[in-house]
Amino acid sequence: MIAKKYFLLGGILLFLIIITLLIAVKSSVFEINYRNEQNTLSTPNDTTNNSEDTVSAIDWQTYSNFYAGYTLRHPPAWKVWDQLNGAAGEDIRIVEPSGAAFVRILWTVDPSIRSPEEVLASVLSYRQSLAVGKDGTKLSDFKSEIIGDYSVKFTASGEFILNDISYRFEERGEMITGGIMFIKRGAATPATFNAMRPITQTIINSFKPIELQ
């Protein structure tokens, strides 16, 4: 009887040890997968936001664009301008009252772009259009990164001319298979760029696809 009792206790103890080891292995695998996912999501568009790069958006207004499928927030005094006279469109600007700064959100779609190679080629074509001086652009920097098998994200900075006024800009963009591309550009005159940047970056950071809210 004693031997049988010890045998049962030993079996129970062995079972508990096996269960504990299985849980530990699953936890380790989950942690590794989570870290890999986080590393994959780290792109040139991701910025480390600190208090110097953003401002409080508590009293800001919300703009919703159901046509392109996103919302963002902006200071009450900043006005939303688009080519459709107030209707949600593909190309909108949120403009500072004096016109010294603005954020531009550009949404385009080209269904003919179906493969990852075509996505990358389209992004490189966009880079080339900036590099050759489209809209008086002087490109200072352009970085891109392939994300998985369906997306290319990129960042750019430089200067351009709009209505005979020079602006500095920083932008983030992404194109995915199916030819959908978003470009979010913060711009300001050279004299006001550093002062306006926390506001334009906060507007850009507030951008959210409607279906994810």
C-alpha atoms as a PDB file:
ATOM      1  CA  MET A   1       0.000   0.000   0.000  1.00  0.00           C
ATOM      2  CA  ILE A   2       2.809   2.384   0.903  1.00  0.00           C
ATOM      3  CA  ALA A   3       4.589   1.661  -2.378  1.00  0.00           C
ATOM      4  CA  LYS A   4       1.354   2.223  -4.290  1.00  0.00           C
ATOM      5  CA  LYS A   5       0.780   5.514  -2.466  1.00  0.00           C
ATOM      6  CA  TYR A   6       4.269   6.764  -3.300  1.00  0.00           C
ATOM      7  CA  PHE A   7       3.811   5.619  -6.887  1.00  0.00           C
ATOM      8  CA  LEU A   8       0.605   7.669  -7.186  1.00  0.00           C
ATOM      9  CA  LEU A   9       2.213  10.714  -5.581  1.00  0.00           C
ATOM     10  CA  GLY A  10       5.183  10.381  -7.912  1.00  0.00           C
ATOM     11  CA  GLY A  11       2.888  10.196 -10.924  1.00  0.00           C
ATOM     12  CA  ILE A  12       0.972  13.286  -9.836  1.00  0.00           C
ATOM     13  CA  LEU A  13       4.214  15.182  -9.238  1.00  0.00           C
ATOM     14  CA  LEU A  14       5.548  14.192 -12.664  1.00  0.00           C
ATOM     15  CA  PHE A  15       2.278  15.291 -14.282  1.00  0.00           C
ATOM     16  CA  LEU A  16       2.489  18.701 -12.587  1.00  0.00           C
ATOM     17  CA  ILE A  17       6.101  19.132 -13.700  1.00  0.00           C
ATOM     18  CA  ILE A  18       5.161  18.346 -17.320  1.00  0.00           C
ATOM     19  CA  ILE A  19       2.242  20.825 -17.230  1.00  0.00           C
ATOM     20  CA  THR A  20       4.514  23.525 -15.777  1.00  0.00           C
ATOM     21  CA  LEU A  21       7.120  22.960 -18.506  1.00  0.00           C
ATOM     22  CA  LEU A  22       4.469  23.131 -21.248  1.00  0.00           C
ATOM     23  CA  ILE A  23       3.147  26.432 -19.892  1.00  0.00           C
ATOM     24  CA  ALA A  24       6.674  27.839 -19.721  1.00  0.00           C
ATOM     25  CA  VAL A  25       7.401  26.808 -23.318  1.00  0.00           C
ATOM     26  CA  LYS A  26       4.149  28.351 -24.593  1.00  0.00           C
ATOM     27  CA  SER A  27       4.882  31.585 -22.739  1.00  0.00           C
ATOM     28  CA  SER A  28       8.355  31.758 -24.275  1.00  0.00           C
ATOM     29  CA  VAL A  29       7.020  31.146 -27.781  1.00  0.00           C
ATOM     30  CA  PHE A  30       4.341  33.827 -27.305  1.00  0.00           C
ATOM     31  CA  GLU A  31       6.939  36.324 -26.095  1.00  0.00           C
ATOM     32  CA  ILE A  32       9.216  35.613 -29.066  1.00  0.00           C
ATOM     33  CA  ASN A  33       6.336  35.971 -31.546  1.00  0.00           C
ATOM     34  CA  TYR A  34       5.182  39.188 -29.889  1.00  0.00           C
ATOM     35  CA  ARG A  35       8.662  40.685 -30.073  1.00  0.00           C
ATOM     36  CA  ASN A  36       9.003  39.678 -33.711  1.00  0.00           C
ATOM     37  CA  GLU A  37       5.658  41.300 -34.488  1.00  0.00           C
ATOM     38  CA  GLN A  38       6.716  44.483 -32.745  1.00  0.00           C
ATOM     39  CA  ASN A  39       9.968  44.542 -34.705  1.00  0.00           C
ATOM     40  CA  THR A  40       8.075  44.072 -37.967  1.00  0.00           C
ATOM     41  CA  LEU A  41       5.809  46.992 -37.152  1.00  0.00           C
ATOM     42  CA  SER A  42       8.763  49.308 -36.537  1.00  0.00           C
ATOM     43  CA  THR A  43       9.121  51.351 -39.715  1.00  0.00           C
ATOM     44  CA  PRO A  44      10.524  54.665 -40.929  1.00  0.00           C
ATOM     45  CA  ASN A  45       7.057  56.135 -40.280  1.00  0.00           C
ATOM     46  CA  ASP A  46       7.158  55.335 -36.591  1.00  0.00           C
ATOM     47  CA  THR A  47       8.484  58.237 -34.577  1.00  0.00           C
ATOM     48  CA  THR A  48       9.404  58.427 -30.927  1.00  0.00           C
ATOM     49  CA  ASN A  49       7.017  61.022 -29.583  1.00  0.00           C
ATOM     50  CA  ASN A  50       8.085  63.023 -26.576  1.00  0.00           C
ATOM     51  CA  SER A  51       6.644  66.099 -24.945  1.00  0.00           C
ATOM     52  CA  GLU A  52       8.693  68.380 -27.201  1.00  0.00           C
ATOM     53  CA  ASP A  53       7.197  66.896 -30.391  1.00  0.00           C
ATOM     54  CA  THR A  54       3.510  67.115 -29.493  1.00  0.00           C
ATOM     55  CA  VAL A  55       0.962  69.413 -27.880  1.00  0.00           C
ATOM     56  CA  SER A  56      -2.276  68.785 -26.009  1.00  0.00           C
ATOM     57  CA  ALA A  57      -5.237  68.035 -28.272  1.00  0.00           C
ATOM     58  CA  ILE A  58      -7.920  68.019 -25.569  1.00  0.00           C
ATOM     59  CA  ASP A  59      -9.902  70.959 -26.970  1.00  0.00           C
ATOM     60  CA  TRP A  60      -9.338  70.149 -30.614  1.00  0.00           C
ATOM     61  CA  GLN A  61     -12.027  69.420 -33.187  1.00  0.00           C
ATOM     62  CA  THR A  62     -12.466  66.117 -35.001  1.00  0.00           C
ATOM     63  CA  TYR A  63     -12.557  65.923 -38.788  1.00  0.00           C
ATOM     64  CA  SER A  64     -14.042  62.777 -40.344  1.00  0.00           C
ATOM     65  CA  ASN A  65     -13.491  61.742 -43.946  1.00  0.00           C
ATOM     66  CA  PHE A  66     -15.819  58.833 -44.644  1.00  0.00           C
ATOM     67  CA  TYR A  67     -14.885  58.845 -48.326  1.00  0.00           C
ATOM     68  CA  ALA A  68     -11.265  57.909 -47.608  1.00  0.00           C
ATOM     69  CA  GLY A  69     -12.062  56.284 -44.254  1.00  0.00           C
ATOM     70  CA  TYR A  70     -10.214  58.206 -41.552  1.00  0.00           C
ATOM     71  CA  THR A  71     -10.515  60.815 -38.830  1.00  0.00           C
ATOM     72  CA  LEU A  72      -8.068  63.278 -37.335  1.00  0.00           C
ATOM     73  CA  ARG A  73      -8.062  66.139 -34.848  1.00  0.00           C
ATOM     74  CA  HIS A  74      -7.010  69.753 -35.335  1.00  0.00           C
ATOM     75  CA  PRO A  75      -6.975  73.072 -33.435  1.00  0.00           C
ATOM     76  CA  PRO A  76     -10.338  74.882 -33.639  1.00  0.00           C
ATOM     77  CA  ALA A  77      -8.825  77.877 -35.444  1.00  0.00           C
ATOM     78  CA  TRP A  78      -7.297  75.724 -38.176  1.00  0.00           C
ATOM     79  CA  LYS A  79      -9.583  75.292 -41.185  1.00  0.00           C
ATOM     80  CA  VAL A  80     -10.118  72.201 -43.299  1.00  0.00           C
ATOM     81  CA  TRP A  81      -9.802  72.908 -47.008  1.00  0.00           C
ATOM     82  CA  ASP A  82     -10.451  70.523 -49.852  1.00  0.00           C
ATOM     83  CA  GLN A  83     -11.116  70.630 -53.548  1.00  0.00           C
ATOM     84  CA  LEU A  84     -14.728  69.566 -53.081  1.00  0.00           C
ATOM     85  CA  ASN A  85     -15.712  72.710 -51.141  1.00  0.00           C
ATOM     86  CA  GLY A  86     -16.306  71.075 -47.796  1.00  0.00           C
ATOM     87  CA  ALA A  87     -17.157  67.559 -48.909  1.00  0.00           C
ATOM     88  CA  ALA A  88     -14.783  64.799 -47.885  1.00  0.00           C
ATOM     89  CA  GLY A  89     -12.286  64.354 -50.692  1.00  0.00           C
ATOM     90  CA  GLU A  90      -9.057  62.680 -51.667  1.00  0.00           C
ATOM     91  CA  ASP A  91      -6.788  65.676 -51.032  1.00  0.00           C
ATOM     92  CA  ILE A  92      -7.407  67.842 -47.976  1.00  0.00           C
ATOM     93  CA  ARG A  93      -5.434  70.432 -46.039  1.00  0.00           C
ATOM     94  CA  ILE A  94      -5.808  71.619 -42.469  1.00  0.00           C
ATOM     95  CA  VAL A  95      -4.529  75.184 -42.587  1.00  0.00           C
ATOM     96  CA  GLU A  96      -3.254  77.480 -39.823  1.00  0.00           C
ATOM     97  CA  PRO A  97      -5.144  80.831 -39.792  1.00  0.00           C
ATOM     98  CA  SER A  98      -2.260  82.889 -41.198  1.00  0.00           C
ATOM     99  CA  GLY A  99      -1.361  80.250 -43.773  1.00  0.00           C
ATOM    100  CA  ALA A 100       2.109  79.802 -42.284  1.00  0.00           C
ATOM    101  CA  ALA A 101       1.566  76.075 -41.702  1.00  0.00           C
ATOM    102  CA  PHE A 102      -0.697  73.248 -42.772  1.00  0.00           C
ATOM    103  CA  VAL A 103      -1.130  69.488 -42.791  1.00  0.00           C
ATOM    104  CA  ARG A 104      -1.953  67.772 -46.055  1.00  0.00           C
ATOM    105  CA  ILE A 105      -3.598  64.348 -46.233  1.00  0.00           C
ATOM    106  CA  LEU A 106      -3.498  62.807 -49.696  1.00  0.00           C
ATOM    107  CA  TRP A 107      -5.365  59.594 -50.478  1.00  0.00           C
ATOM    108  CA  THR A 108      -5.000  57.865 -53.837  1.00  0.00           C
ATOM    109  CA  VAL A 109      -5.908  54.461 -55.223  1.00  0.00           C
ATOM    110  CA  ASP A 110      -4.715  52.601 -58.323  1.00  0.00           C
ATOM    111  CA  PRO A 111      -6.293  49.110 -58.558  1.00  0.00           C
ATOM    112  CA  SER A 112      -3.795  48.108 -61.256  1.00  0.00           C
ATOM    113  CA  ILE A 113      -1.051  47.930 -58.598  1.00  0.00           C
ATOM    114  CA  ARG A 114      -1.481  44.354 -57.420  1.00  0.00           C
ATOM    115  CA  SER A 115       1.897  42.911 -56.473  1.00  0.00           C
ATOM    116  CA  PRO A 116       4.516  43.857 -53.852  1.00  0.00           C
ATOM    117  CA  GLU A 117       6.937  44.626 -56.688  1.00  0.00           C
ATOM    118  CA  GLU A 118       4.477  47.070 -58.235  1.00  0.00           C
ATOM    119  CA  VAL A 119       3.908  48.707 -54.849  1.00  0.00           C
ATOM    120  CA  LEU A 120       7.633  49.268 -54.374  1.00  0.00           C
ATOM    121  CA  ALA A 121       8.016  50.542 -57.943  1.00  0.00           C
ATOM    122  CA  SER A 122       5.204  53.039 -57.374  1.00  0.00           C
ATOM    123  CA  VAL A 123       6.797  54.341 -54.165  1.00  0.00           C
ATOM    124  CA  LEU A 124      10.148  54.712 -55.923  1.00  0.00           C
ATOM    125  CA  SER A 125       8.385  56.560 -58.741  1.00  0.00           C
ATOM    126  CA  TYR A 126       6.900  58.941 -56.178  1.00  0.00           C
ATOM    127  CA  ARG A 127      10.372  59.474 -54.713  1.00  0.00           C
ATOM    128  CA  GLN A 128      11.696  60.254 -58.178  1.00  0.00           C
ATOM    129  CA  SER A 129       8.940  62.815 -58.747  1.00  0.00           C
ATOM    130  CA  LEU A 130      10.076  64.623 -55.597  1.00  0.00           C
ATOM    131  CA  ALA A 131      13.749  64.306 -56.488  1.00  0.00           C
ATOM    132  CA  VAL A 132      13.313  65.921 -59.907  1.00  0.00           C
ATOM    133  CA  GLY A 133      11.715  68.990 -58.360  1.00  0.00           C
ATOM    134  CA  LYS A 134       7.968  68.485 -58.672  1.00  0.00           C
ATOM    135  CA  ASP A 135       6.183  71.589 -57.275  1.00  0.00           C
ATOM    136  CA  GLY A 136       9.575  73.187 -56.705  1.00  0.00           C
ATOM    137  CA  THR A 137      10.510  70.409 -54.287  1.00  0.00           C
ATOM    138  CA  LYS A 138      14.028  70.131 -52.921  1.00  0.00           C
ATOM    139  CA  LEU A 139      14.208  66.663 -51.410  1.00  0.00           C
ATOM    140  CA  SER A 140      16.482  66.388 -48.376  1.00  0.00           C
ATOM    141  CA  ASP A 141      15.761  62.830 -47.278  1.00  0.00           C
ATOM    142  CA  PHE A 142      13.686  59.835 -48.330  1.00  0.00           C
ATOM    143  CA  LYS A 143      13.538  56.448 -46.607  1.00  0.00           C
ATOM    144  CA  SER A 144      11.363  53.455 -47.386  1.00  0.00           C
ATOM    145  CA  GLU A 145      10.832  50.019 -45.892  1.00  0.00           C
ATOM    146  CA  ILE A 146       8.985  46.949 -47.118  1.00  0.00           C
ATOM    147  CA  ILE A 147       6.534  45.651 -44.509  1.00  0.00           C
ATOM    148  CA  GLY A 148       5.615  42.018 -45.060  1.00  0.00           C
ATOM    149  CA  ASP A 149       4.306  41.097 -48.499  1.00  0.00           C
ATOM    150  CA  TYR A 150       1.783  43.845 -48.986  1.00  0.00           C
ATOM    151  CA  SER A 151       3.011  47.253 -47.813  1.00  0.00           C
ATOM    152  CA  VAL A 152       5.766  49.823 -48.276  1.00  0.00           C
ATOM    153  CA  LYS A 153       6.084  52.666 -45.779  1.00  0.00           C
ATOM    154  CA  PHE A 154       8.187  55.756 -46.351  1.00  0.00           C
ATOM    155  CA  THR A 155       9.231  59.105 -44.908  1.00  0.00           C
ATOM    156  CA  ALA A 156      10.423  62.230 -46.690  1.00  0.00           C
ATOM    157  CA  SER A 157      11.561  65.732 -45.841  1.00  0.00           C
ATOM    158  CA  GLY A 158      12.659  68.820 -47.720  1.00  0.00           C
ATOM    159  CA  GLU A 159      11.266  72.065 -49.105  1.00  0.00           C
ATOM    160  CA  PHE A 160       8.684  72.973 -51.722  1.00  0.00           C
ATOM    161  CA  ILE A 161       6.876  75.994 -53.132  1.00  0.00           C
ATOM    162  CA  LEU A 162       3.117  76.556 -52.968  1.00  0.00           C
ATOM    163  CA  ASN A 163       1.484  79.734 -54.290  1.00  0.00           C
ATOM    164  CA  ASP A 164       4.940  81.343 -54.511  1.00  0.00           C
ATOM    165  CA  ILE A 165       5.583  80.643 -50.794  1.00  0.00           C
ATOM    166  CA  SER A 166       8.419  78.389 -49.642  1.00  0.00           C
ATOM    167  CA  TYR A 167       7.631  75.692 -47.076  1.00  0.00           C
ATOM    168  CA  ARG A 168       9.637  73.081 -45.223  1.00  0.00           C
ATOM    169  CA  PHE A 169       7.950  69.706 -44.910  1.00  0.00           C
ATOM    170  CA  GLU A 170       8.092  66.306 -43.251  1.00  0.00           C
ATOM    171  CA  GLU A 171       5.814  63.532 -44.403  1.00  0.00           C
ATOM    172  CA  ARG A 172       4.943  59.899 -43.808  1.00  0.00           C
ATOM    173  CA  GLY A 173       3.308  57.637 -46.311  1.00  0.00           C
ATOM    174  CA  GLU A 174       2.244  54.091 -46.979  1.00  0.00           C
ATOM    175  CA  MET A 175       1.178  52.174 -50.073  1.00  0.00           C
ATOM    176  CA  ILE A 176      -0.339  48.698 -50.012  1.00  0.00           C
ATOM    177  CA  THR A 177      -1.231  46.149 -52.664  1.00  0.00           C
ATOM    178  CA  GLY A 178      -4.360  47.314 -54.433  1.00  0.00           C
ATOM    179  CA  GLY A 179      -2.706  50.685 -54.979  1.00  0.00           C
ATOM    180  CA  ILE A 180      -4.080  52.449 -51.895  1.00  0.00           C
ATOM    181  CA  MET A 181      -1.725  55.160 -50.686  1.00  0.00           C
ATOM    182  CA  PHE A 182      -1.929  57.688 -47.849  1.00  0.00           C
ATOM    183  CA  ILE A 183       0.525  60.579 -47.546  1.00  0.00           C
ATOM    184  CA  LYS A 184       0.477  62.756 -44.413  1.00  0.00           C
ATOM    185  CA  ARG A 185       2.569  65.912 -44.791  1.00  0.00           C
ATOM    186  CA  GLY A 186       3.252  68.569 -42.173  1.00  0.00           C
ATOM    187  CA  ALA A 187       4.520  71.847 -43.621  1.00  0.00           C
ATOM    188  CA  ALA A 188       5.383  75.353 -42.452  1.00  0.00           C
ATOM    189  CA  THR A 189       7.352  78.346 -43.638  1.00  0.00           C
ATOM    190  CA  PRO A 190      11.059  78.087 -42.768  1.00  0.00           C
ATOM    191  CA  ALA A 191      10.751  80.876 -40.183  1.00  0.00           C
ATOM    192  CA  THR A 192       7.897  79.146 -38.328  1.00  0.00           C
ATOM    193  CA  PHE A 193       8.718  75.479 -38.945  1.00  0.00           C
ATOM    194  CA  ASN A 194      10.232  74.671 -35.541  1.00  0.00           C
ATOM    195  CA  ALA A 195       7.412  76.433 -33.678  1.00  0.00           C
ATOM    196  CA  MET A 196       4.673  74.832 -35.784  1.00  0.00           C
ATOM    197  CA  ARG A 197       6.131  71.329 -35.932  1.00  0.00           C
ATOM    198  CA  PRO A 198       4.668  70.121 -32.578  1.00  0.00           C
ATOM    199  CA  ILE A 199       1.203  71.126 -33.802  1.00  0.00           C
ATOM    200  CA  THR A 200       1.499  69.603 -37.269  1.00  0.00           C
ATOM    201  CA  GLN A 201       2.942  66.382 -35.834  1.00  0.00           C
ATOM    202  CA  THR A 202       0.128  66.137 -33.276  1.00  0.00           C
ATOM    203  CA  ILE A 203      -2.424  66.499 -36.085  1.00  0.00           C
ATOM    204  CA  ILE A 204      -0.687  63.778 -38.098  1.00  0.00           C
ATOM    205  CA  ASN A 205      -0.390  61.497 -35.067  1.00  0.00           C
ATOM    206  CA  SER A 206      -4.152  61.818 -34.470  1.00  0.00           C
ATOM    207  CA  PHE A 207      -4.861  60.215 -37.873  1.00  0.00           C
ATOM    208  CA  LYS A 208      -6.903  57.016 -37.405  1.00  0.00           C
ATOM    209  CA  PRO A 209      -8.608  54.709 -39.906  1.00  0.00           C
ATOM    210  CA  ILE A 210     -12.315  54.736 -39.101  1.00  0.00           C
ATOM    211  CA  GLU A 211     -12.666  50.945 -39.062  1.00  0.00           C
ATOM    212  CA  LEU A 212     -10.043  50.625 -36.283  1.00  0.00           C
ATOM    213  CA  GLN A 213     -11.770  52.974 -33.829  1.00  0.00           C
END
